[in-house]
Amino acid sequence: MHDEDISIYPEHIVNVAKDPKHFGRMNGPTSSAFIKGPCGDEMEFYLVIEDRIIKEVKFHTTGCIATIVCGSVAAQLALGKSIDEALSISPREIIGSLHGLPEEHSHCSILAVSTLYRAIADYLLKI
């Protein structure tokens, strides 16, 4: 987390950002993607896909608290899902599950979903 005012976030969001699930990079994923958002935050997604099911997922970002938690939620929602199910994950679903994400950071959910989708597209272009 880079320097930012954490007082704008509810405590549960700060706690997720301090220890996000599925955070990190992955060697030898089935597919991966990288996007730099319009805000300057960067996000990466790494997927292991077997029989069109997402078996493992990792994400990485050096972005703000909102970007970290949105990546974490997107990864958690995608884990164990079929490709088709993962493609139905929406920014609205991420925002809804975070209860209290500041509106000015809602674009972070779009970055997370877009990067996840691009990683899925990377897989689909390989098969």
N, C-alpha and C. Protein backbone atom coordinates (compact mmCIF):
# COMPACT_ATOMS: atom_id res chain seq x y z
N MET A 1 0.84 -1.18 0.00
CA MET A 1 0.00 0.00 0.00
C MET A 1 0.89 1.24 0.00
N HIS A 2 0.62 2.12 -0.94
CA HIS A 2 1.38 3.35 -0.93
C HIS A 2 0.73 4.36 0.01
N ASP A 3 1.41 5.47 0.24
CA ASP A 3 0.89 6.47 1.17
C ASP A 3 -0.45 7.01 0.67
N GLU A 4 -1.46 6.83 1.48
CA GLU A 4 -2.76 7.40 1.18
C GLU A 4 -3.53 7.51 2.48
N ASP A 5 -4.56 8.30 2.46
CA ASP A 5 -5.38 8.53 3.65
C ASP A 5 -6.30 7.33 3.85
N ILE A 6 -5.96 6.48 4.82
CA ILE A 6 -6.78 5.29 5.04
C ILE A 6 -8.08 5.60 5.78
N SER A 7 -8.21 6.83 6.30
CA SER A 7 -9.41 7.18 7.06
C SER A 7 -10.67 7.21 6.20
N ILE A 8 -10.51 7.23 4.87
CA ILE A 8 -11.70 7.24 4.00
C ILE A 8 -12.30 5.85 3.83
N TYR A 9 -11.58 4.82 4.31
CA TYR A 9 -12.02 3.43 4.15
C TYR A 9 -12.56 2.86 5.45
N PRO A 10 -13.63 2.05 5.36
CA PRO A 10 -14.07 1.32 6.56
C PRO A 10 -12.97 0.35 7.01
N GLU A 11 -12.98 0.02 8.28
CA GLU A 11 -11.95 -0.84 8.87
C GLU A 11 -11.84 -2.19 8.16
N HIS A 12 -12.96 -2.79 7.78
CA HIS A 12 -12.90 -4.10 7.15
C HIS A 12 -12.17 -4.04 5.80
N ILE A 13 -12.27 -2.93 5.08
CA ILE A 13 -11.55 -2.80 3.80
C ILE A 13 -10.07 -2.64 4.05
N VAL A 14 -9.68 -1.85 5.05
CA VAL A 14 -8.26 -1.70 5.39
C VAL A 14 -7.67 -3.05 5.81
N ASN A 15 -8.44 -3.84 6.56
CA ASN A 15 -7.95 -5.15 7.00
C ASN A 15 -7.71 -6.09 5.82
N VAL A 16 -8.60 -6.07 4.82
CA VAL A 16 -8.40 -6.89 3.62
C VAL A 16 -7.13 -6.43 2.90
N ALA A 17 -6.94 -5.13 2.80
CA ALA A 17 -5.77 -4.60 2.09
C ALA A 17 -4.46 -4.96 2.78
N LYS A 18 -4.49 -5.11 4.09
CA LYS A 18 -3.27 -5.46 4.84
C LYS A 18 -2.89 -6.92 4.61
N ASP A 19 -3.86 -7.78 4.34
CA ASP A 19 -3.59 -9.21 4.14
C ASP A 19 -4.54 -9.75 3.06
N PRO A 20 -4.35 -9.31 1.80
CA PRO A 20 -5.28 -9.72 0.74
C PRO A 20 -5.12 -11.20 0.37
N LYS A 21 -6.25 -11.84 0.13
CA LYS A 21 -6.22 -13.23 -0.33
C LYS A 21 -5.76 -13.28 -1.78
N HIS A 22 -5.01 -14.30 -2.10
CA HIS A 22 -4.58 -14.57 -3.48
C HIS A 22 -3.61 -13.52 -4.03
N PHE A 23 -2.94 -12.78 -3.15
CA PHE A 23 -2.01 -11.76 -3.60
C PHE A 23 -0.66 -12.39 -3.93
N GLY A 24 -0.10 -11.99 -5.05
CA GLY A 24 1.23 -12.45 -5.43
C GLY A 24 1.30 -12.74 -6.91
N ARG A 25 2.46 -13.18 -7.31
CA ARG A 25 2.65 -13.56 -8.71
C ARG A 25 2.75 -15.07 -8.79
N MET A 26 2.67 -15.60 -10.01
CA MET A 26 2.66 -17.05 -10.21
C MET A 26 3.60 -17.41 -11.34
N ASN A 27 4.42 -18.43 -11.11
CA ASN A 27 5.26 -18.97 -12.18
C ASN A 27 4.48 -20.03 -12.95
N GLY A 28 4.52 -19.95 -14.27
CA GLY A 28 3.90 -20.96 -15.11
C GLY A 28 2.39 -21.02 -15.08
N PRO A 29 1.69 -19.87 -15.06
CA PRO A 29 0.23 -19.94 -15.09
C PRO A 29 -0.27 -20.41 -16.45
N THR A 30 -1.49 -20.88 -16.49
CA THR A 30 -2.13 -21.22 -17.76
C THR A 30 -2.30 -19.95 -18.59
N SER A 31 -2.66 -18.85 -17.92
CA SER A 31 -2.86 -17.58 -18.61
C SER A 31 -2.60 -16.44 -17.63
N SER A 32 -2.37 -15.27 -18.20
CA SER A 32 -2.12 -14.10 -17.36
C SER A 32 -2.48 -12.83 -18.13
N ALA A 33 -2.56 -11.73 -17.39
CA ALA A 33 -2.86 -10.44 -18.01
C ALA A 33 -2.32 -9.32 -17.14
N PHE A 34 -2.07 -8.20 -17.78
CA PHE A 34 -1.60 -6.98 -17.12
C PHE A 34 -2.36 -5.80 -17.72
N ILE A 35 -2.88 -4.94 -16.86
CA ILE A 35 -3.53 -3.70 -17.32
C ILE A 35 -3.08 -2.56 -16.41
N LYS A 36 -2.79 -1.44 -17.04
CA LYS A 36 -2.55 -0.20 -16.30
C LYS A 36 -3.81 0.64 -16.45
N GLY A 37 -4.44 0.94 -15.32
CA GLY A 37 -5.69 1.68 -15.34
C GLY A 37 -5.48 3.16 -15.61
N PRO A 38 -6.55 3.87 -15.93
CA PRO A 38 -6.45 5.30 -16.20
C PRO A 38 -5.95 6.10 -15.00
N CYS A 39 -6.10 5.55 -13.80
CA CYS A 39 -5.63 6.23 -12.59
C CYS A 39 -4.13 6.03 -12.37
N GLY A 40 -3.53 5.14 -13.17
CA GLY A 40 -2.10 4.85 -13.02
C GLY A 40 -1.81 3.57 -12.28
N ASP A 41 -2.80 3.02 -11.57
CA ASP A 41 -2.60 1.75 -10.88
C ASP A 41 -2.47 0.63 -11.90
N GLU A 42 -1.61 -0.32 -11.58
CA GLU A 42 -1.40 -1.48 -12.44
C GLU A 42 -1.91 -2.73 -11.75
N MET A 43 -2.47 -3.65 -12.53
CA MET A 43 -2.95 -4.90 -11.97
C MET A 43 -2.56 -6.05 -12.88
N GLU A 44 -2.23 -7.17 -12.26
CA GLU A 44 -1.90 -8.40 -12.98
C GLU A 44 -2.78 -9.51 -12.42
N PHE A 45 -3.20 -10.41 -13.29
CA PHE A 45 -3.92 -11.62 -12.87
C PHE A 45 -3.23 -12.82 -13.48
N TYR A 46 -3.13 -13.89 -12.71
CA TYR A 46 -2.54 -15.16 -13.13
C TYR A 46 -3.55 -16.27 -12.83
N LEU A 47 -3.80 -17.12 -13.81
CA LEU A 47 -4.80 -18.18 -13.65
C LEU A 47 -4.21 -19.54 -14.01
N VAL A 48 -4.59 -20.55 -13.24
CA VAL A 48 -4.38 -21.94 -13.63
C VAL A 48 -5.77 -22.49 -13.92
N ILE A 49 -5.96 -22.91 -15.16
CA ILE A 49 -7.27 -23.38 -15.60
C ILE A 49 -7.15 -24.82 -16.07
N GLU A 50 -8.01 -25.67 -15.54
CA GLU A 50 -8.07 -27.08 -15.94
C GLU A 50 -9.52 -27.41 -16.24
N ASP A 51 -9.76 -27.99 -17.40
CA ASP A 51 -11.12 -28.36 -17.82
C ASP A 51 -12.08 -27.17 -17.70
N ARG A 52 -11.59 -25.98 -18.09
CA ARG A 52 -12.37 -24.74 -18.11
C ARG A 52 -12.80 -24.27 -16.73
N ILE A 53 -12.12 -24.77 -15.68
CA ILE A 53 -12.37 -24.36 -14.30
C ILE A 53 -11.12 -23.65 -13.78
N ILE A 54 -11.32 -22.51 -13.12
CA ILE A 54 -10.19 -21.77 -12.54
C ILE A 54 -9.80 -22.45 -11.24
N LYS A 55 -8.67 -23.15 -11.27
CA LYS A 55 -8.21 -23.94 -10.13
C LYS A 55 -7.33 -23.12 -9.19
N GLU A 56 -6.58 -22.18 -9.74
CA GLU A 56 -5.73 -21.29 -8.93
C GLU A 56 -5.80 -19.90 -9.52
N VAL A 57 -5.71 -18.91 -8.64
CA VAL A 57 -5.72 -17.51 -9.10
C VAL A 57 -4.84 -16.68 -8.18
N LYS A 58 -4.08 -15.81 -8.78
CA LYS A 58 -3.27 -14.82 -8.05
C LYS A 58 -3.44 -13.49 -8.75
N PHE A 59 -3.32 -12.43 -7.97
CA PHE A 59 -3.31 -11.10 -8.56
C PHE A 59 -2.17 -10.32 -7.90
N HIS A 60 -1.71 -9.31 -8.60
CA HIS A 60 -0.68 -8.45 -8.05
C HIS A 60 -0.96 -7.01 -8.45
N THR A 61 -0.72 -6.10 -7.54
CA THR A 61 -0.85 -4.67 -7.82
C THR A 61 0.03 -3.91 -6.86
N THR A 62 0.46 -2.75 -7.30
CA THR A 62 1.16 -1.81 -6.42
C THR A 62 0.24 -0.62 -6.16
N GLY A 63 -1.04 -0.80 -6.43
CA GLY A 63 -2.01 0.28 -6.36
C GLY A 63 -2.48 0.61 -4.96
N CYS A 64 -3.50 1.42 -4.92
CA CYS A 64 -4.07 1.91 -3.67
C CYS A 64 -4.85 0.81 -2.94
N ILE A 65 -5.32 1.15 -1.76
CA ILE A 65 -6.09 0.20 -0.95
C ILE A 65 -7.28 -0.34 -1.74
N ALA A 66 -7.99 0.54 -2.42
CA ALA A 66 -9.18 0.10 -3.17
C ALA A 66 -8.80 -0.87 -4.28
N THR A 67 -7.70 -0.63 -4.96
CA THR A 67 -7.25 -1.54 -6.02
C THR A 67 -6.89 -2.91 -5.43
N ILE A 68 -6.23 -2.90 -4.30
CA ILE A 68 -5.85 -4.16 -3.64
C ILE A 68 -7.09 -4.96 -3.26
N VAL A 69 -8.04 -4.33 -2.60
CA VAL A 69 -9.22 -5.09 -2.15
C VAL A 69 -10.09 -5.52 -3.32
N CYS A 70 -10.19 -4.71 -4.35
CA CYS A 70 -10.98 -5.12 -5.52
C CYS A 70 -10.32 -6.31 -6.22
N GLY A 71 -9.00 -6.31 -6.33
CA GLY A 71 -8.29 -7.46 -6.90
C GLY A 71 -8.50 -8.71 -6.06
N SER A 72 -8.44 -8.54 -4.75
CA SER A 72 -8.62 -9.68 -3.84
C SER A 72 -10.02 -10.27 -3.98
N VAL A 73 -11.03 -9.42 -4.03
CA VAL A 73 -12.42 -9.90 -4.16
C VAL A 73 -12.62 -10.56 -5.53
N ALA A 74 -12.11 -9.95 -6.59
CA ALA A 74 -12.25 -10.55 -7.92
C ALA A 74 -11.60 -11.93 -7.96
N ALA A 75 -10.42 -12.05 -7.38
CA ALA A 75 -9.73 -13.34 -7.35
C ALA A 75 -10.54 -14.37 -6.56
N GLN A 76 -11.05 -13.97 -5.41
CA GLN A 76 -11.83 -14.88 -4.58
C GLN A 76 -13.10 -15.34 -5.30
N LEU A 77 -13.75 -14.39 -5.98
CA LEU A 77 -14.97 -14.74 -6.71
C LEU A 77 -14.69 -15.68 -7.88
N ALA A 78 -13.52 -15.55 -8.50
CA ALA A 78 -13.20 -16.36 -9.68
C ALA A 78 -12.75 -17.78 -9.32
N LEU A 79 -12.14 -17.94 -8.16
CA LEU A 79 -11.58 -19.24 -7.77
C LEU A 79 -12.66 -20.32 -7.74
N GLY A 80 -12.39 -21.41 -8.46
CA GLY A 80 -13.32 -22.53 -8.49
C GLY A 80 -14.45 -22.40 -9.49
N LYS A 81 -14.52 -21.26 -10.16
CA LYS A 81 -15.59 -21.02 -11.12
C LYS A 81 -15.21 -21.51 -12.51
N SER A 82 -16.22 -21.83 -13.30
CA SER A 82 -15.98 -22.13 -14.71
C SER A 82 -15.64 -20.82 -15.42
N ILE A 83 -15.10 -20.93 -16.61
CA ILE A 83 -14.80 -19.74 -17.40
C ILE A 83 -16.06 -18.90 -17.58
N ASP A 84 -17.16 -19.53 -17.94
CA ASP A 84 -18.41 -18.79 -18.16
C ASP A 84 -18.88 -18.10 -16.89
N GLU A 85 -18.78 -18.77 -15.76
CA GLU A 85 -19.19 -18.16 -14.48
C GLU A 85 -18.29 -16.97 -14.14
N ALA A 86 -16.99 -17.13 -14.36
CA ALA A 86 -16.05 -16.04 -14.06
C ALA A 86 -16.30 -14.83 -14.95
N LEU A 87 -16.74 -15.08 -16.17
CA LEU A 87 -17.03 -13.97 -17.08
C LEU A 87 -18.31 -13.22 -16.70
N SER A 88 -19.04 -13.74 -15.72
CA SER A 88 -20.23 -13.02 -15.26
C SER A 88 -19.95 -12.18 -14.02
N ILE A 89 -18.72 -12.22 -13.50
CA ILE A 89 -18.35 -11.38 -12.37
C ILE A 89 -18.34 -9.93 -12.85
N SER A 90 -18.99 -9.07 -12.08
CA SER A 90 -19.12 -7.67 -12.51
C SER A 90 -18.50 -6.72 -11.49
N PRO A 91 -18.14 -5.53 -11.93
CA PRO A 91 -17.68 -4.51 -10.98
C PRO A 91 -18.73 -4.24 -9.90
N ARG A 92 -20.00 -4.24 -10.27
CA ARG A 92 -21.08 -4.01 -9.30
C ARG A 92 -21.07 -5.10 -8.21
N GLU A 93 -20.80 -6.35 -8.60
CA GLU A 93 -20.73 -7.43 -7.62
C GLU A 93 -19.59 -7.20 -6.63
N ILE A 94 -18.46 -6.74 -7.13
CA ILE A 94 -17.31 -6.46 -6.26
C ILE A 94 -17.64 -5.31 -5.31
N ILE A 95 -18.17 -4.24 -5.84
CA ILE A 95 -18.52 -3.09 -5.01
C ILE A 95 -19.55 -3.49 -3.95
N GLY A 96 -20.54 -4.28 -4.35
CA GLY A 96 -21.57 -4.72 -3.42
C GLY A 96 -21.02 -5.57 -2.29
N SER A 97 -20.00 -6.36 -2.58
CA SER A 97 -19.45 -7.23 -1.55
C SER A 97 -18.52 -6.47 -0.59
N LEU A 98 -18.10 -5.28 -0.97
CA LEU A 98 -17.16 -4.53 -0.14
C LEU A 98 -17.83 -3.58 0.85
N HIS A 99 -19.11 -3.28 0.70
CA HIS A 99 -19.84 -2.45 1.66
C HIS A 99 -19.00 -1.29 2.19
N GLY A 100 -19.03 -0.18 1.49
CA GLY A 100 -18.34 0.99 2.00
C GLY A 100 -17.14 1.43 1.19
N LEU A 101 -16.93 0.81 0.02
CA LEU A 101 -15.86 1.28 -0.86
C LEU A 101 -16.21 2.71 -1.29
N PRO A 102 -15.31 3.68 -1.05
CA PRO A 102 -15.63 5.05 -1.46
C PRO A 102 -15.94 5.13 -2.95
N GLU A 103 -16.98 5.89 -3.28
CA GLU A 103 -17.45 5.96 -4.66
C GLU A 103 -16.35 6.41 -5.62
N GLU A 104 -15.48 7.29 -5.16
CA GLU A 104 -14.41 7.78 -6.03
C GLU A 104 -13.39 6.69 -6.36
N HIS A 105 -13.51 5.54 -5.73
CA HIS A 105 -12.62 4.42 -6.02
C HIS A 105 -13.35 3.25 -6.70
N SER A 106 -14.57 3.49 -7.16
CA SER A 106 -15.32 2.40 -7.80
C SER A 106 -14.65 1.96 -9.11
N HIS A 107 -13.87 2.83 -9.73
CA HIS A 107 -13.15 2.45 -10.96
C HIS A 107 -12.16 1.31 -10.71
N CYS A 108 -11.74 1.13 -9.46
CA CYS A 108 -10.81 0.05 -9.13
C CYS A 108 -11.45 -1.32 -9.37
N SER A 109 -12.76 -1.40 -9.16
CA SER A 109 -13.46 -2.67 -9.42
C SER A 109 -13.47 -2.97 -10.92
N ILE A 110 -13.55 -1.93 -11.74
CA ILE A 110 -13.52 -2.11 -13.20
C ILE A 110 -12.14 -2.60 -13.63
N LEU A 111 -11.08 -2.03 -13.03
CA LEU A 111 -9.72 -2.47 -13.33
C LEU A 111 -9.55 -3.95 -12.97
N ALA A 112 -10.03 -4.35 -11.81
CA ALA A 112 -9.89 -5.75 -11.38
C ALA A 112 -10.62 -6.70 -12.32
N VAL A 113 -11.86 -6.39 -12.64
CA VAL A 113 -12.65 -7.25 -13.52
C VAL A 113 -12.06 -7.27 -14.93
N SER A 114 -11.64 -6.13 -15.42
CA SER A 114 -11.05 -6.06 -16.77
C SER A 114 -9.79 -6.90 -16.86
N THR A 115 -8.98 -6.87 -15.83
CA THR A 115 -7.74 -7.66 -15.84
C THR A 115 -8.06 -9.15 -15.75
N LEU A 116 -9.01 -9.51 -14.92
CA LEU A 116 -9.46 -10.91 -14.84
C LEU A 116 -9.96 -11.37 -16.21
N TYR A 117 -10.81 -10.57 -16.84
CA TYR A 117 -11.35 -10.92 -18.16
C TYR A 117 -10.23 -11.08 -19.19
N ARG A 118 -9.24 -10.20 -19.14
CA ARG A 118 -8.14 -10.28 -20.10
C ARG A 118 -7.33 -11.56 -19.87
N ALA A 119 -7.16 -11.98 -18.62
CA ALA A 119 -6.47 -13.24 -18.34
C ALA A 119 -7.29 -14.43 -18.89
N ILE A 120 -8.60 -14.36 -18.76
CA ILE A 120 -9.46 -15.40 -19.33
C ILE A 120 -9.36 -15.39 -20.84
N ALA A 121 -9.34 -14.22 -21.45
CA ALA A 121 -9.20 -14.12 -22.90
C ALA A 121 -7.86 -14.71 -23.36
N ASP A 122 -6.81 -14.48 -22.58
CA ASP A 122 -5.51 -15.05 -22.89
C ASP A 122 -5.60 -16.58 -22.95
N TYR A 123 -6.33 -17.16 -22.00
CA TYR A 123 -6.55 -18.62 -22.00
C TYR A 123 -7.34 -19.05 -23.23
N LEU A 124 -8.43 -18.35 -23.51
CA LEU A 124 -9.30 -18.73 -24.62
C LEU A 124 -8.59 -18.62 -25.98
N LEU A 125 -7.68 -17.69 -26.09
CA LEU A 125 -6.93 -17.55 -27.35
C LEU A 125 -5.88 -18.64 -27.53
N LYS A 126 -5.55 -19.34 -26.45
CA LYS A 126 -4.55 -20.40 -26.51
C LYS A 126 -5.14 -21.77 -26.83
N ILE A 127 -6.43 -21.94 -26.56
CA ILE A 127 -7.01 -23.28 -26.74
C ILE A 127 -7.52 -23.49 -28.16
